[in-house]
Amino acid sequence: QALFIEPLAFAHFQSGDLDKALEEYGRIISLTTGRLLVGDVYAKSFYMLGQIYEQKGMTKQASENYQKFLEFWEGADSSLVEVSDAQKRLTSLNNQ
């Protein structure tokens, strides 16, 4: 089900409807089967939630979600765009 929710969540994000995007990404991380079947979508949802919270000015929640994302992708190649971006954003938020 996460595979079907993610495109909708991303479309809401791109259109600027952060509340709907937040709701849909929240649905993805609440799916227990999502962790097992589509772990990459599940993990990237935390990255997207970090961006949403950051845009909404909710820095604590943004930091928490970037941290969760990085924990899931621990050991991943830091040249991956999402990983390096999350690291930069987390550092920036923690320095505020």
Protein backbone atom coordinates (compact mmCIF):
# COMPACT_ATOMS: atom_id res chain seq x y z
CA GLN A 1 0.00 0.00 0.00
CA ALA A 2 2.93 2.36 0.68
CA LEU A 3 3.87 2.18 -3.00
CA PHE A 4 0.49 3.68 -3.87
CA ILE A 5 0.49 6.32 -1.14
CA GLU A 6 3.98 7.70 -1.78
CA PRO A 7 3.29 9.22 -5.23
CA LEU A 8 0.21 10.96 -3.83
CA ALA A 9 2.16 12.23 -0.83
CA PHE A 10 4.94 13.55 -3.07
CA ALA A 11 2.42 15.24 -5.39
CA HIS A 12 0.91 17.04 -2.39
CA PHE A 13 4.40 18.08 -1.29
CA GLN A 14 5.32 19.41 -4.73
CA SER A 15 2.05 21.32 -5.01
CA GLY A 16 2.73 22.98 -1.66
CA ASP A 17 -0.08 21.25 0.23
CA LEU A 18 2.11 20.42 3.22
CA ASP A 19 -0.74 19.35 5.48
CA LYS A 20 -1.95 16.71 3.00
CA ALA A 21 1.63 15.60 2.33
CA LEU A 22 2.20 15.30 6.08
CA GLU A 23 -0.94 13.20 6.40
CA GLU A 24 0.03 10.83 3.58
CA TYR A 25 3.65 10.37 4.67
CA GLY A 26 2.33 9.78 8.18
CA ARG A 27 0.18 6.98 6.76
CA ILE A 28 3.24 5.38 5.18
CA ILE A 29 5.26 5.28 8.40
CA SER A 30 2.27 3.87 10.29
CA LEU A 31 2.06 0.84 7.98
CA THR A 32 3.83 -2.06 9.66
CA THR A 33 4.05 -3.99 6.41
CA GLY A 34 5.66 -0.97 4.78
CA ARG A 35 8.80 -1.54 6.80
CA LEU A 36 9.15 -5.07 5.53
CA LEU A 37 7.98 -4.85 1.95
CA VAL A 38 9.11 -1.41 0.83
CA GLY A 39 11.78 -0.37 3.31
CA ASP A 40 13.22 2.29 1.02
CA VAL A 41 9.85 4.08 0.69
CA TYR A 42 9.34 3.75 4.44
CA ALA A 43 12.77 5.22 5.24
CA LYS A 44 12.52 8.02 2.67
CA SER A 45 9.19 9.02 4.20
CA PHE A 46 11.10 10.21 7.27
CA TYR A 47 13.30 12.34 5.00
CA MET A 48 10.21 13.87 3.40
CA LEU A 49 8.58 14.42 6.80
CA GLY A 50 11.74 16.25 7.83
CA GLN A 51 11.40 18.56 4.84
CA ILE A 52 7.71 19.17 5.52
CA TYR A 53 8.26 19.97 9.19
CA GLU A 54 11.21 22.19 8.30
CA GLN A 55 9.08 24.18 5.84
CA LYS A 56 6.38 24.50 8.48
CA GLY A 57 8.96 25.92 10.91
CA MET A 58 8.72 22.92 13.24
CA THR A 59 12.45 22.41 13.71
CA LYS A 60 12.29 19.84 16.51
CA GLN A 61 10.07 17.51 14.47
CA ALA A 62 12.18 18.13 11.37
CA SER A 63 15.37 17.18 13.23
CA GLU A 64 13.76 14.04 14.67
CA ASN A 65 12.64 12.85 11.24
CA TYR A 66 15.97 13.59 9.54
CA GLN A 67 17.68 11.67 12.35
CA LYS A 68 15.36 8.67 11.91
CA PHE A 69 15.98 8.72 8.17
CA LEU A 70 19.74 8.76 8.67
CA GLU A 71 19.50 5.92 11.18
CA PHE A 72 17.69 3.77 8.61
CA TRP A 73 20.25 4.63 5.96
CA GLU A 74 23.23 4.25 8.29
CA GLY A 75 26.15 2.96 6.31
CA ALA A 76 24.62 4.13 3.03
CA ASP A 77 26.82 5.95 0.59
CA SER A 78 26.88 9.59 1.71
CA SER A 79 26.99 10.62 -1.94
CA LEU A 80 23.29 9.71 -2.19
CA VAL A 81 21.44 12.99 -2.58
CA GLU A 82 18.92 12.33 0.20
CA VAL A 83 21.57 11.20 2.68
CA SER A 84 23.90 14.15 2.14
CA ASP A 85 20.97 16.60 2.11
CA ALA A 86 19.51 15.18 5.34
CA GLN A 87 22.94 15.41 7.01
CA LYS A 88 23.30 19.06 5.96
CA ARG A 89 19.77 19.96 7.03
CA LEU A 90 20.15 18.20 10.38
CA THR A 91 23.42 19.99 11.08
CA SER A 92 21.86 23.32 10.13
CA LEU A 93 18.82 22.74 12.34
CA ASN A 94 20.95 21.65 15.29
CA ASN A 95 23.05 24.81 14.97
CA GLN A 96 20.06 27.13 15.20
